[in-house]
């Protein structure tokens, strides 16, 4: 019995000592050292855990969704940089997406993965939290499904869609988020089905339609 009581007291003291080194502040009232925050007062639902250096996050932080046991996001903070490396996870620990953040906004290249897989599903490029640059979407197995260009979060420039065999199905141009410019549509064999021009998302001018590689119809749009 004495051994049991002694062991219990030692365990309790160790637990208390561990709690006292968490959630501390420095002399200026800034968070410093190891921190854990919870969604509930009983401390059963962890919100985040990580380490602060005089009010600034440093090293690895884990963030949790309320009610879930495994981290939903992991952030790597560098005290010498304002850029944070972020990774979003499933409850099985598989990566959903990863990339850099600046001022809590996505920046640079972001990579997304197919469900429960290490295969890349999509890549995007961000600037100031908006899509800027090339976006690519991939079929399972790695074949390119779509490639498009964005400026300030809107489609602007070429956009192509591909079949799983690599055949171009749609070849389009966008301007400020709208279909604007030449457009061509193909079947799965790569044969031209229709071509023409868009202006502000609407057909414009003469459109030509094909069957088995032969022109079968023309239609004029204002």
Foldseek 3Di string as FASTA:
>chain_A
DVVVVVVVVVVVVVVVVVVVQEQDADPVRATAAWYWDAPDPVPPHTAKIAGDHRNHGAAKMFGPDGPADHGQKIWHDDPVDQKIWIFGADSVRDTQKIAIDHPNAGAAKMWGADPPDPHTAKIFHDDPNATAAWIWGADVVGHTAKIFGDDRRATAAWIWGADNVGATAKIFGDHRREGFFKIWGADNVNATAKIAGDHRNHGAAKMFGDDPNHTDDIDHDD
